[in-house]
C-alpha atoms as a PDB file:
ATOM      1  CA  MET A   1       4.400  72.261  -2.763  1.00  0.00           C
ATOM      2  CA  GLN A   2       2.795  71.748   0.642  1.00  0.00           C
ATOM      3  CA  ILE A   3       0.237  68.976   1.031  1.00  0.00           C
ATOM      4  CA  ASP A   4      -2.829  71.239   1.351  1.00  0.00           C
ATOM      5  CA  ALA A   5      -1.764  73.253  -1.694  1.00  0.00           C
ATOM      6  CA  LEU A   6      -1.152  70.041  -3.643  1.00  0.00           C
ATOM      7  CA  ALA A   7      -4.632  68.756  -2.751  1.00  0.00           C
ATOM      8  CA  ASP A   8      -6.157  72.042  -3.964  1.00  0.00           C
ATOM      9  CA  PHE A   9      -4.034  71.851  -7.128  1.00  0.00           C
ATOM     10  CA  ILE A  10      -5.279  68.335  -7.898  1.00  0.00           C
ATOM     11  CA  VAL A  11      -8.914  69.295  -7.309  1.00  0.00           C
ATOM     12  CA  GLU A  12      -8.410  72.237  -9.695  1.00  0.00           C
ATOM     13  CA  LYS A  13      -6.908  69.967 -12.375  1.00  0.00           C
ATOM     14  CA  ILE A  14      -9.785  67.494 -12.059  1.00  0.00           C
ATOM     15  CA  ASP A  15     -12.242  70.371 -12.336  1.00  0.00           C
ATOM     16  CA  ASP A  16     -10.391  71.666 -15.424  1.00  0.00           C
ATOM     17  CA  MET A  17     -11.104  68.296 -17.069  1.00  0.00           C
ATOM     18  CA  LYS A  18     -14.798  68.526 -16.125  1.00  0.00           C
ATOM     19  CA  GLY A  19     -14.577  65.866 -13.426  1.00  0.00           C
ATOM     20  CA  ARG A  20     -17.785  65.733 -11.390  1.00  0.00           C
ATOM     21  CA  ASP A  21     -18.676  65.429  -7.711  1.00  0.00           C
ATOM     22  CA  ILE A  22     -15.128  66.114  -6.549  1.00  0.00           C
ATOM     23  CA  THR A  23     -14.637  65.266  -2.882  1.00  0.00           C
ATOM     24  CA  SER A  24     -11.459  65.913  -0.923  1.00  0.00           C
ATOM     25  CA  ILE A  25     -11.305  64.053   2.385  1.00  0.00           C
ATOM     26  CA  ASN A  26      -8.620  64.684   5.006  1.00  0.00           C
ATOM     27  CA  VAL A  27      -7.772  61.203   6.300  1.00  0.00           C
ATOM     28  CA  ALA A  28      -4.572  62.120   8.151  1.00  0.00           C
ATOM     29  CA  GLU A  29      -6.012  61.162  11.549  1.00  0.00           C
ATOM     30  CA  LYS A  30      -7.593  57.957  10.215  1.00  0.00           C
ATOM     31  CA  SER A  31      -4.783  56.623   8.048  1.00  0.00           C
ATOM     32  CA  ASP A  32      -1.047  56.033   8.171  1.00  0.00           C
ATOM     33  CA  PHE A  33      -0.616  55.834   4.401  1.00  0.00           C
ATOM     34  CA  ALA A  34      -2.139  59.123   3.195  1.00  0.00           C
ATOM     35  CA  ASP A  35      -3.282  62.544   4.334  1.00  0.00           C
ATOM     36  CA  TYR A  36      -5.934  63.087   1.647  1.00  0.00           C
ATOM     37  CA  MET A  37      -8.270  61.013  -0.476  1.00  0.00           C
ATOM     38  CA  ILE A  38      -9.606  62.844  -3.489  1.00  0.00           C
ATOM     39  CA  ILE A  39     -12.529  61.165  -5.205  1.00  0.00           C
ATOM     40  CA  ALA A  40     -14.210  62.287  -8.428  1.00  0.00           C
ATOM     41  CA  SER A  41     -16.450  60.949 -11.162  1.00  0.00           C
ATOM     42  CA  GLY A  42     -15.981  60.854 -14.909  1.00  0.00           C
ATOM     43  CA  ASN A  43     -18.720  60.605 -17.520  1.00  0.00           C
ATOM     44  CA  SER A  44     -17.292  57.516 -19.225  1.00  0.00           C
ATOM     45  CA  THR A  45     -14.319  55.157 -19.067  1.00  0.00           C
ATOM     46  CA  ARG A  46     -12.515  57.360 -21.586  1.00  0.00           C
ATOM     47  CA  HIS A  47     -13.194  60.430 -19.439  1.00  0.00           C
ATOM     48  CA  VAL A  48     -11.944  58.637 -16.298  1.00  0.00           C
ATOM     49  CA  LYS A  49      -8.709  57.699 -18.102  1.00  0.00           C
ATOM     50  CA  SER A  50      -8.232  61.251 -19.405  1.00  0.00           C
ATOM     51  CA  ILE A  51      -8.700  62.831 -15.984  1.00  0.00           C
ATOM     52  CA  ALA A  52      -6.222  60.412 -14.360  1.00  0.00           C
ATOM     53  CA  GLN A  53      -3.668  60.984 -17.114  1.00  0.00           C
ATOM     54  CA  ASN A  54      -4.093  64.761 -16.811  1.00  0.00           C
ATOM     55  CA  VAL A  55      -3.560  64.657 -13.023  1.00  0.00           C
ATOM     56  CA  THR A  56      -0.415  62.598 -13.605  1.00  0.00           C
ATOM     57  CA  THR A  57       0.899  64.949 -16.306  1.00  0.00           C
ATOM     58  CA  GLU A  58       0.164  68.120 -14.330  1.00  0.00           C
ATOM     59  CA  CYS A  59       1.812  66.749 -11.179  1.00  0.00           C
ATOM     60  CA  ARG A  60       4.906  65.747 -13.129  1.00  0.00           C
ATOM     61  CA  ALA A  61       5.037  69.271 -14.589  1.00  0.00           C
ATOM     62  CA  GLN A  62       5.226  70.516 -10.981  1.00  0.00           C
ATOM     63  CA  GLY A  63       8.045  68.080 -10.187  1.00  0.00           C
ATOM     64  CA  ILE A  64       5.827  65.628  -8.317  1.00  0.00           C
ATOM     65  CA  GLU A  65       6.288  62.075  -9.557  1.00  0.00           C
ATOM     66  CA  PRO A  66       3.367  59.710  -8.812  1.00  0.00           C
ATOM     67  CA  LEU A  67       4.308  56.558  -6.918  1.00  0.00           C
ATOM     68  CA  GLY A  68       1.873  54.607  -9.052  1.00  0.00           C
ATOM     69  CA  VAL A  69      -0.995  54.867 -11.490  1.00  0.00           C
ATOM     70  CA  GLU A  70      -3.532  52.058 -11.752  1.00  0.00           C
ATOM     71  CA  GLY A  71      -6.650  51.389 -13.775  1.00  0.00           C
ATOM     72  CA  VAL A  72      -6.030  53.602 -16.795  1.00  0.00           C
ATOM     73  CA  ASP A  73      -6.171  50.546 -19.044  1.00  0.00           C
ATOM     74  CA  ILE A  74      -9.839  49.776 -18.260  1.00  0.00           C
ATOM     75  CA  GLY A  75     -10.984  53.173 -17.021  1.00  0.00           C
ATOM     76  CA  GLU A  76     -13.792  52.237 -14.674  1.00  0.00           C
ATOM     77  CA  TRP A  77     -11.687  53.233 -11.676  1.00  0.00           C
ATOM     78  CA  SER A  78      -8.314  54.915 -12.002  1.00  0.00           C
ATOM     79  CA  LEU A  79      -6.066  55.569  -9.034  1.00  0.00           C
ATOM     80  CA  VAL A  80      -3.159  58.002  -8.889  1.00  0.00           C
ATOM     81  CA  ASP A  81      -0.936  57.456  -5.837  1.00  0.00           C
ATOM     82  CA  LEU A  82       0.950  60.623  -4.951  1.00  0.00           C
ATOM     83  CA  GLY A  83       2.130  59.392  -1.572  1.00  0.00           C
ATOM     84  CA  ASP A  84       0.327  61.666   0.859  1.00  0.00           C
ATOM     85  CA  ILE A  85      -2.591  62.029  -1.554  1.00  0.00           C
ATOM     86  CA  VAL A  86      -4.466  59.203  -3.241  1.00  0.00           C
ATOM     87  CA  VAL A  87      -6.700  60.213  -6.144  1.00  0.00           C
ATOM     88  CA  HIS A  88      -9.621  58.021  -7.214  1.00  0.00           C
ATOM     89  CA  ILE A  89     -11.378  58.785 -10.502  1.00  0.00           C
ATOM     90  CA  MET A  90     -14.386  56.529 -11.070  1.00  0.00           C
ATOM     91  CA  THR A  91     -17.371  55.979 -13.291  1.00  0.00           C
ATOM     92  CA  ASP A  92     -20.696  56.601 -11.584  1.00  0.00           C
ATOM     93  CA  GLU A  93     -21.353  52.861 -11.413  1.00  0.00           C
ATOM     94  CA  MET A  94     -18.083  52.140  -9.575  1.00  0.00           C
ATOM     95  CA  ARG A  95     -18.538  55.098  -7.269  1.00  0.00           C
ATOM     96  CA  ASP A  96     -22.043  53.992  -6.333  1.00  0.00           C
ATOM     97  CA  LYS A  97     -20.876  50.413  -5.821  1.00  0.00           C
ATOM     98  CA  TYR A  98     -17.881  51.103  -3.558  1.00  0.00           C
ATOM     99  CA  GLN A  99     -18.973  54.333  -1.829  1.00  0.00           C
ATOM    100  CA  LEU A 100     -15.459  55.287  -0.718  1.00  0.00           C
ATOM    101  CA  GLU A 101     -16.630  58.500   0.906  1.00  0.00           C
ATOM    102  CA  GLN A 102     -18.586  56.515   3.473  1.00  0.00           C
ATOM    103  CA  LEU A 103     -15.487  54.537   4.415  1.00  0.00           C
ATOM    104  CA  TRP A 104     -13.461  57.668   5.214  1.00  0.00           C
ATOM    105  CA  GLU A 105     -15.919  60.234   6.519  1.00  0.00           C
END
């Protein structure tokens, strides 16, 4: 799967799980470690965990093995590292606190 198609696929899977405020940022010209940052919000820590686990499961079903998954134990901020795409699923409080979009836009 090409990188743009994979980014669209991940956004679709987050949306399927009712993730909110999904933002896909192309950081290819600003970063050496990723081409896309995808950031979304969950309604609760349980919701954040579920979205991250679903992204991981759906990517594996497509033959794409995540390089790492962090934060699913606590659920305030879960990160799925897919190499060229880094997915951040956060509670509203964490998203407001860290404002990742402002760092990359």
